Amino acid sequence: MGIVLLQKLRDAVANLREEFEDRLVRTNERLDQTLASLGRIESDLNELKKFTRQIALHQAKQELTYSSEHVERLENEILDLQQRLQRYERGAGH
């Protein structure tokens, strides 16, 4: 009777070992899938970062161009007003 009990115990431990090995294999497979997914996410985030940087640079360039054009227009208007004022002062002084 003791031998039968030992055999059952040995079989139970062997089954438990197989179950643990199967779980370990499945866990390793899931970890591999997770690592692959994280790698893709990291790559996508790097691409998004590059794209966002390009948009920001483009926007800054556009704003600078607009600002430069606006300043130039204001400078021209100020110059025109100065010339008008000079003509007015000359005309009023006569």
C-alpha atoms as a PDB file:
ATOM      1  CA  MET A   1       0.000   0.000   0.000  1.00  0.00           C
ATOM      2  CA  GLY A   2       2.874   2.394   0.734  1.00  0.00           C
ATOM      3  CA  ILE A   3       4.331   1.775  -2.736  1.00  0.00           C
ATOM      4  CA  VAL A   4       1.020   2.593  -4.433  1.00  0.00           C
ATOM      5  CA  LEU A   5       0.829   5.821  -2.439  1.00  0.00           C
ATOM      6  CA  LEU A   6       4.389   6.731  -3.432  1.00  0.00           C
ATOM      7  CA  GLN A   7       3.611   6.010  -7.099  1.00  0.00           C
ATOM      8  CA  LYS A   8       0.518   8.223  -6.953  1.00  0.00           C
ATOM      9  CA  LEU A   9       2.542  10.940  -5.269  1.00  0.00           C
ATOM     10  CA  ARG A  10       5.298  10.617  -7.918  1.00  0.00           C
ATOM     11  CA  ASP A  11       2.694  10.773 -10.703  1.00  0.00           C
ATOM     12  CA  ALA A  12       1.053  13.830  -9.121  1.00  0.00           C
ATOM     13  CA  VAL A  13       4.410  15.599  -8.848  1.00  0.00           C
ATOM     14  CA  ALA A  14       5.240  14.678 -12.464  1.00  0.00           C
ATOM     15  CA  ASN A  15       1.845  16.014 -13.619  1.00  0.00           C
ATOM     16  CA  LEU A  16       2.343  19.161 -11.602  1.00  0.00           C
ATOM     17  CA  ARG A  17       5.775  19.602 -13.176  1.00  0.00           C
ATOM     18  CA  GLU A  18       4.293  19.221 -16.663  1.00  0.00           C
ATOM     19  CA  GLU A  19       1.565  21.754 -15.867  1.00  0.00           C
ATOM     20  CA  PHE A  20       4.170  24.221 -14.585  1.00  0.00           C
ATOM     21  CA  GLU A  21       6.320  23.700 -17.670  1.00  0.00           C
ATOM     22  CA  ASP A  22       3.298  24.291 -19.918  1.00  0.00           C
ATOM     23  CA  ARG A  23       2.401  27.427 -17.987  1.00  0.00           C
ATOM     24  CA  LEU A  24       5.990  28.623 -18.214  1.00  0.00           C
ATOM     25  CA  VAL A  25       6.031  28.077 -21.976  1.00  0.00           C
ATOM     26  CA  ARG A  26       2.742  29.955 -22.392  1.00  0.00           C
ATOM     27  CA  THR A  27       3.967  32.744 -20.128  1.00  0.00           C
ATOM     28  CA  ASN A  28       7.193  33.038 -22.126  1.00  0.00           C
ATOM     29  CA  GLU A  29       5.189  33.176 -25.359  1.00  0.00           C
ATOM     30  CA  ARG A  30       3.008  35.963 -23.950  1.00  0.00           C
ATOM     31  CA  LEU A  31       6.104  37.814 -22.761  1.00  0.00           C
ATOM     32  CA  ASP A  32       7.638  37.521 -26.226  1.00  0.00           C
ATOM     33  CA  GLN A  33       4.424  38.877 -27.769  1.00  0.00           C
ATOM     34  CA  THR A  34       4.372  41.706 -25.237  1.00  0.00           C
ATOM     35  CA  LEU A  35       7.993  42.589 -25.975  1.00  0.00           C
ATOM     36  CA  ALA A  36       7.280  42.613 -29.703  1.00  0.00           C
ATOM     37  CA  SER A  37       4.256  44.864 -29.151  1.00  0.00           C
ATOM     38  CA  LEU A  38       6.283  47.209 -26.979  1.00  0.00           C
ATOM     39  CA  GLY A  39       8.956  47.356 -29.675  1.00  0.00           C
ATOM     40  CA  ARG A  40       6.355  48.340 -32.267  1.00  0.00           C
ATOM     41  CA  ILE A  41       4.880  50.932 -29.921  1.00  0.00           C
ATOM     42  CA  GLU A  42       8.326  52.400 -29.259  1.00  0.00           C
ATOM     43  CA  SER A  43       9.017  52.579 -32.977  1.00  0.00           C
ATOM     44  CA  ASP A  44       5.645  54.209 -33.650  1.00  0.00           C
ATOM     45  CA  LEU A  45       6.243  56.732 -30.870  1.00  0.00           C
ATOM     46  CA  ASN A  46       9.617  57.628 -32.363  1.00  0.00           C
ATOM     47  CA  GLU A  47       7.972  58.177 -35.747  1.00  0.00           C
ATOM     48  CA  LEU A  48       5.266  60.274 -34.115  1.00  0.00           C
ATOM     49  CA  LYS A  49       7.934  62.306 -32.332  1.00  0.00           C
ATOM     50  CA  LYS A  50       9.708  62.992 -35.641  1.00  0.00           C
ATOM     51  CA  PHE A  51       6.419  63.922 -37.321  1.00  0.00           C
ATOM     52  CA  THR A  52       5.424  66.223 -34.454  1.00  0.00           C
ATOM     53  CA  ARG A  53       8.831  67.893 -34.571  1.00  0.00           C
ATOM     54  CA  GLN A  54       8.466  68.459 -38.326  1.00  0.00           C
ATOM     55  CA  ILE A  55       5.030  69.996 -37.807  1.00  0.00           C
ATOM     56  CA  ALA A  56       6.369  72.262 -35.063  1.00  0.00           C
ATOM     57  CA  LEU A  57       9.291  73.386 -37.231  1.00  0.00           C
ATOM     58  CA  HIS A  58       6.994  74.023 -40.169  1.00  0.00           C
ATOM     59  CA  GLN A  59       4.593  75.975 -37.984  1.00  0.00           C
ATOM     60  CA  ALA A  60       7.432  78.053 -36.501  1.00  0.00           C
ATOM     61  CA  LYS A  61       8.717  78.803 -40.003  1.00  0.00           C
ATOM     62  CA  GLN A  62       5.245  79.869 -41.130  1.00  0.00           C
ATOM     63  CA  GLU A  63       4.802  82.074 -38.076  1.00  0.00           C
ATOM     64  CA  LEU A  64       8.210  83.667 -38.629  1.00  0.00           C
ATOM     65  CA  THR A  65       7.394  84.302 -42.282  1.00  0.00           C
ATOM     66  CA  TYR A  66       4.035  85.821 -41.372  1.00  0.00           C
ATOM     67  CA  SER A  67       5.621  87.909 -38.620  1.00  0.00           C
ATOM     68  CA  SER A  68       8.386  89.138 -40.947  1.00  0.00           C
ATOM     69  CA  GLU A  69       5.857  90.090 -43.614  1.00  0.00           C
ATOM     70  CA  HIS A  70       3.714  91.862 -41.035  1.00  0.00           C
ATOM     71  CA  VAL A  71       6.703  93.809 -39.651  1.00  0.00           C
ATOM     72  CA  GLU A  72       7.774  94.763 -43.175  1.00  0.00           C
ATOM     73  CA  ARG A  73       4.259  95.981 -43.965  1.00  0.00           C
ATOM     74  CA  LEU A  74       4.205  98.036 -40.757  1.00  0.00           C
ATOM     75  CA  GLU A  75       7.612  99.514 -41.544  1.00  0.00           C
ATOM     76  CA  ASN A  76       6.358 100.548 -44.990  1.00  0.00           C
ATOM     77  CA  GLU A  77       3.249 102.115 -43.478  1.00  0.00           C
ATOM     78  CA  ILE A  78       5.349 104.023 -40.910  1.00  0.00           C
ATOM     79  CA  LEU A  79       7.689 105.256 -43.646  1.00  0.00           C
ATOM     80  CA  ASP A  80       4.673 106.369 -45.700  1.00  0.00           C
ATOM     81  CA  LEU A  81       3.205 108.198 -42.701  1.00  0.00           C
ATOM     82  CA  GLN A  82       6.552 109.883 -42.024  1.00  0.00           C
ATOM     83  CA  GLN A  83       6.728 111.063 -45.623  1.00  0.00           C
ATOM     84  CA  ARG A  84       3.146 112.368 -45.476  1.00  0.00           C
ATOM     85  CA  LEU A  85       3.910 114.167 -42.227  1.00  0.00           C
ATOM     86  CA  GLN A  86       7.004 115.788 -43.766  1.00  0.00           C
ATOM     87  CA  ARG A  87       4.967 116.948 -46.779  1.00  0.00           C
ATOM     88  CA  TYR A  88       2.244 118.256 -44.527  1.00  0.00           C
ATOM     89  CA  GLU A  89       4.764 120.129 -42.357  1.00  0.00           C
ATOM     90  CA  ARG A  90       6.374 121.632 -45.468  1.00  0.00           C
ATOM     91  CA  GLY A  91       2.996 122.650 -46.826  1.00  0.00           C
ATOM     92  CA  ALA A  92       1.848 124.100 -43.520  1.00  0.00           C
ATOM     93  CA  GLY A  93       5.093 125.998 -43.062  1.00  0.00           C
ATOM     94  CA  HIS A  94       4.695 127.999 -46.297  1.00  0.00           C
END
